[in-house]
Amino acid sequence: MKNSIGWLRLSYWSGAIIDALAGILLTFPLLNSWLTGITPTVSSAAYRASNTPAAALMWGWTALLIWADRRPLARRGVLILTLFPVLTWMISARICEVWVYHAPFQQHLPFFILQFSLVILLTYSLWVSRNEKII
């Protein structure tokens, strides 16, 4: 049981740290532009209207993952929600950026590696804890 709780906690905190970093990128769009090579129109109302809620949701998901860590087995459903739809949607959007909008793949590669690594970690943690009873 300790092993599965350790994997769950690693998943919660990895997700929380990565989400906090993404929250920083959404909160500071020029930093995001520098990392991804996509030039935002920061002053446009459309950009602010989409980016501000995205930043709020990312910070909220960070808090949710930290909260889930307080009762790792009971709240492992948060990891399922993190996998589907959150991570799958984010990976799909990034693939679309590269494939459809021709964003530079090299600049998105670290994000792909990070996101797919998180998918593997969360899936493994859920698999290891699948037979654990909630205390």
C-alpha atoms as a PDB file:
ATOM      1  CA  MET A   1       0.000   0.000   0.000  1.00  0.00           C
ATOM      2  CA  LYS A   2       2.783   2.447   0.821  1.00  0.00           C
ATOM      3  CA  ASN A   3       4.215   1.978  -2.648  1.00  0.00           C
ATOM      4  CA  SER A   4       0.949   2.881  -4.373  1.00  0.00           C
ATOM      5  CA  ILE A   5       0.424   5.929  -2.137  1.00  0.00           C
ATOM      6  CA  GLY A   6       3.956   7.056  -2.948  1.00  0.00           C
ATOM      7  CA  TRP A   7       3.223   6.808  -6.673  1.00  0.00           C
ATOM      8  CA  LEU A   8      -0.045   8.696  -6.252  1.00  0.00           C
ATOM      9  CA  ARG A   9       1.674  11.445  -4.269  1.00  0.00           C
ATOM     10  CA  LEU A  10       4.435  11.688  -6.872  1.00  0.00           C
ATOM     11  CA  SER A  11       1.747  12.063  -9.526  1.00  0.00           C
ATOM     12  CA  TYR A  12      -0.164  14.732  -7.603  1.00  0.00           C
ATOM     13  CA  TRP A  13       2.928  16.806  -6.906  1.00  0.00           C
ATOM     14  CA  SER A  14       4.393  16.370 -10.400  1.00  0.00           C
ATOM     15  CA  GLY A  15       1.106  17.538 -11.863  1.00  0.00           C
ATOM     16  CA  ALA A  16       0.851  20.426  -9.406  1.00  0.00           C
ATOM     17  CA  ILE A  17       4.378  21.651 -10.165  1.00  0.00           C
ATOM     18  CA  ILE A  18       3.912  21.348 -13.916  1.00  0.00           C
ATOM     19  CA  ASP A  19       0.533  23.107 -13.713  1.00  0.00           C
ATOM     20  CA  ALA A  20       2.044  25.888 -11.609  1.00  0.00           C
ATOM     21  CA  LEU A  21       4.744  26.354 -14.253  1.00  0.00           C
ATOM     22  CA  ALA A  22       2.046  26.435 -16.942  1.00  0.00           C
ATOM     23  CA  GLY A  23       0.157  28.948 -14.816  1.00  0.00           C
ATOM     24  CA  ILE A  24       3.247  31.145 -14.842  1.00  0.00           C
ATOM     25  CA  LEU A  25       3.447  30.883 -18.651  1.00  0.00           C
ATOM     26  CA  LEU A  26      -0.222  31.837 -18.958  1.00  0.00           C
ATOM     27  CA  THR A  27       0.110  34.647 -16.458  1.00  0.00           C
ATOM     28  CA  PHE A  28       3.184  36.026 -18.262  1.00  0.00           C
ATOM     29  CA  PRO A  29       2.456  35.610 -22.001  1.00  0.00           C
ATOM     30  CA  LEU A  30       5.749  37.119 -23.164  1.00  0.00           C
ATOM     31  CA  LEU A  31       7.623  34.335 -21.374  1.00  0.00           C
ATOM     32  CA  ASN A  32       5.333  31.811 -23.073  1.00  0.00           C
ATOM     33  CA  SER A  33       6.033  33.459 -26.424  1.00  0.00           C
ATOM     34  CA  TRP A  34       9.773  33.248 -25.850  1.00  0.00           C
ATOM     35  CA  LEU A  35       9.550  29.510 -25.040  1.00  0.00           C
ATOM     36  CA  THR A  36       7.118  28.438 -27.768  1.00  0.00           C
ATOM     37  CA  GLY A  37       7.943  30.855 -30.554  1.00  0.00           C
ATOM     38  CA  ILE A  38       4.291  31.841 -30.908  1.00  0.00           C
ATOM     39  CA  THR A  39       3.888  35.590 -30.837  1.00  0.00           C
ATOM     40  CA  PRO A  40       0.746  36.566 -28.947  1.00  0.00           C
ATOM     41  CA  THR A  41      -1.140  39.755 -29.459  1.00  0.00           C
ATOM     42  CA  VAL A  42      -1.039  40.535 -25.770  1.00  0.00           C
ATOM     43  CA  SER A  43      -2.863  43.806 -26.095  1.00  0.00           C
ATOM     44  CA  SER A  44      -5.832  42.316 -27.937  1.00  0.00           C
ATOM     45  CA  ALA A  45      -9.075  41.799 -26.068  1.00  0.00           C
ATOM     46  CA  ALA A  46      -9.518  38.366 -27.682  1.00  0.00           C
ATOM     47  CA  TYR A  47      -6.166  37.184 -26.376  1.00  0.00           C
ATOM     48  CA  ARG A  48      -6.833  38.461 -22.874  1.00  0.00           C
ATOM     49  CA  ALA A  49     -10.345  36.983 -22.914  1.00  0.00           C
ATOM     50  CA  SER A  50      -9.000  33.494 -23.629  1.00  0.00           C
ATOM     51  CA  ASN A  51      -5.727  33.640 -21.697  1.00  0.00           C
ATOM     52  CA  THR A  52      -7.027  34.994 -18.400  1.00  0.00           C
ATOM     53  CA  PRO A  53      -9.545  32.171 -17.794  1.00  0.00           C
ATOM     54  CA  ALA A  54      -6.933  29.620 -18.918  1.00  0.00           C
ATOM     55  CA  ALA A  55      -4.474  30.956 -16.331  1.00  0.00           C
ATOM     56  CA  ALA A  56      -7.154  30.871 -13.619  1.00  0.00           C
ATOM     57  CA  LEU A  57      -8.054  27.280 -14.498  1.00  0.00           C
ATOM     58  CA  MET A  58      -4.401  26.217 -14.472  1.00  0.00           C
ATOM     59  CA  TRP A  59      -3.876  27.728 -11.027  1.00  0.00           C
ATOM     60  CA  GLY A  60      -7.121  26.083  -9.884  1.00  0.00           C
ATOM     61  CA  TRP A  61      -5.969  22.679 -11.138  1.00  0.00           C
ATOM     62  CA  THR A  62      -2.682  23.182  -9.296  1.00  0.00           C
ATOM     63  CA  ALA A  63      -4.639  23.695  -6.073  1.00  0.00           C
ATOM     64  CA  LEU A  64      -6.873  20.699  -6.864  1.00  0.00           C
ATOM     65  CA  LEU A  65      -3.874  18.372  -7.223  1.00  0.00           C
ATOM     66  CA  ILE A  66      -2.382  19.613  -3.951  1.00  0.00           C
ATOM     67  CA  TRP A  67      -5.762  19.069  -2.265  1.00  0.00           C
ATOM     68  CA  ALA A  68      -5.974  15.530  -3.707  1.00  0.00           C
ATOM     69  CA  ASP A  69      -2.577  14.720  -2.197  1.00  0.00           C
ATOM     70  CA  ARG A  70      -4.076  15.126   1.292  1.00  0.00           C
ATOM     71  CA  ARG A  71      -6.091  11.893   0.780  1.00  0.00           C
ATOM     72  CA  PRO A  72      -4.274  10.147  -2.082  1.00  0.00           C
ATOM     73  CA  LEU A  73      -6.368   6.990  -2.376  1.00  0.00           C
ATOM     74  CA  ALA A  74      -9.752   8.602  -1.820  1.00  0.00           C
ATOM     75  CA  ARG A  75      -9.097  11.344  -4.365  1.00  0.00           C
ATOM     76  CA  ARG A  76      -7.310   9.370  -7.093  1.00  0.00           C
ATOM     77  CA  GLY A  77     -10.243  10.166  -9.377  1.00  0.00           C
ATOM     78  CA  VAL A  78      -8.611  13.579  -9.763  1.00  0.00           C
ATOM     79  CA  LEU A  79      -5.847  11.815 -11.690  1.00  0.00           C
ATOM     80  CA  ILE A  80      -8.400  10.260 -14.019  1.00  0.00           C
ATOM     81  CA  LEU A  81      -9.839  13.722 -14.695  1.00  0.00           C
ATOM     82  CA  THR A  82      -6.320  15.013 -15.206  1.00  0.00           C
ATOM     83  CA  LEU A  83      -5.722  12.337 -17.847  1.00  0.00           C
ATOM     84  CA  PHE A  84      -9.143  12.613 -19.511  1.00  0.00           C
ATOM     85  CA  PRO A  85     -10.010  15.275 -20.584  1.00  0.00           C
ATOM     86  CA  VAL A  86      -7.320  17.692 -19.334  1.00  0.00           C
ATOM     87  CA  LEU A  87      -4.050  16.162 -20.577  1.00  0.00           C
ATOM     88  CA  THR A  88      -5.553  14.593 -23.687  1.00  0.00           C
ATOM     89  CA  TRP A  89      -7.053  17.932 -24.667  1.00  0.00           C
ATOM     90  CA  MET A  90      -3.801  19.802 -24.014  1.00  0.00           C
ATOM     91  CA  ILE A  91      -1.768  17.292 -26.031  1.00  0.00           C
ATOM     92  CA  SER A  92      -4.310  17.405 -28.860  1.00  0.00           C
ATOM     93  CA  ALA A  93      -4.189  21.201 -28.913  1.00  0.00           C
ATOM     94  CA  ARG A  94      -0.382  21.161 -29.031  1.00  0.00           C
ATOM     95  CA  ILE A  95      -0.409  18.624 -31.897  1.00  0.00           C
ATOM     96  CA  CYS A  96      -2.860  20.893 -33.700  1.00  0.00           C
ATOM     97  CA  GLU A  97      -0.578  23.899 -33.171  1.00  0.00           C
ATOM     98  CA  VAL A  98       2.345  22.061 -34.737  1.00  0.00           C
ATOM     99  CA  TRP A  99       0.531  20.207 -37.492  1.00  0.00           C
ATOM    100  CA  VAL A 100      -2.208  22.593 -38.548  1.00  0.00           C
ATOM    101  CA  TYR A 101      -0.746  25.989 -37.617  1.00  0.00           C
ATOM    102  CA  HIS A 102       2.873  25.059 -38.381  1.00  0.00           C
ATOM    103  CA  ALA A 103       4.291  26.085 -35.019  1.00  0.00           C
ATOM    104  CA  PRO A 104       7.952  25.044 -34.694  1.00  0.00           C
ATOM    105  CA  PHE A 105       8.084  21.407 -33.551  1.00  0.00           C
ATOM    106  CA  GLN A 106      11.505  21.836 -31.920  1.00  0.00           C
ATOM    107  CA  GLN A 107      10.148  24.419 -29.516  1.00  0.00           C
ATOM    108  CA  HIS A 108       7.168  22.227 -28.632  1.00  0.00           C
ATOM    109  CA  LEU A 109       9.179  19.018 -28.200  1.00  0.00           C
ATOM    110  CA  PRO A 110      10.005  19.648 -24.503  1.00  0.00           C
ATOM    111  CA  PHE A 111       6.289  20.196 -23.827  1.00  0.00           C
ATOM    112  CA  PHE A 112       5.401  16.967 -25.646  1.00  0.00           C
ATOM    113  CA  ILE A 113       7.989  15.051 -23.628  1.00  0.00           C
ATOM    114  CA  LEU A 114       6.705  16.566 -20.389  1.00  0.00           C
ATOM    115  CA  GLN A 115       3.049  15.924 -21.172  1.00  0.00           C
ATOM    116  CA  PHE A 116       3.555  12.336 -22.358  1.00  0.00           C
ATOM    117  CA  SER A 117       5.773  11.631 -19.346  1.00  0.00           C
ATOM    118  CA  LEU A 118       2.985  12.880 -17.111  1.00  0.00           C
ATOM    119  CA  VAL A 119       0.489  10.636 -18.914  1.00  0.00           C
ATOM    120  CA  ILE A 120       2.745   7.631 -18.272  1.00  0.00           C
ATOM    121  CA  LEU A 121       3.289   8.556 -14.609  1.00  0.00           C
ATOM    122  CA  LEU A 122      -0.404   9.132 -13.874  1.00  0.00           C
ATOM    123  CA  THR A 123      -1.463   5.975 -15.701  1.00  0.00           C
ATOM    124  CA  TYR A 124       1.105   3.898 -13.824  1.00  0.00           C
ATOM    125  CA  SER A 125       0.092   5.408 -10.472  1.00  0.00           C
ATOM    126  CA  LEU A 126      -3.545   4.615 -11.114  1.00  0.00           C
ATOM    127  CA  TRP A 127      -2.664   1.079 -12.219  1.00  0.00           C
ATOM    128  CA  VAL A 128      -0.510   0.431  -9.117  1.00  0.00           C
ATOM    129  CA  SER A 129      -3.273   1.677  -6.811  1.00  0.00           C
ATOM    130  CA  ARG A 130      -6.154  -0.007  -8.629  1.00  0.00           C
ATOM    131  CA  ASN A 131      -6.773  -2.666  -5.945  1.00  0.00           C
ATOM    132  CA  GLU A 132      -6.178  -0.460  -2.917  1.00  0.00           C
ATOM    133  CA  LYS A 133      -9.084   0.052  -0.555  1.00  0.00           C
ATOM    134  CA  ILE A 134      -9.898   3.540   0.628  1.00  0.00           C
ATOM    135  CA  ILE A 135      -9.237   3.833   4.341  1.00  0.00           C
END
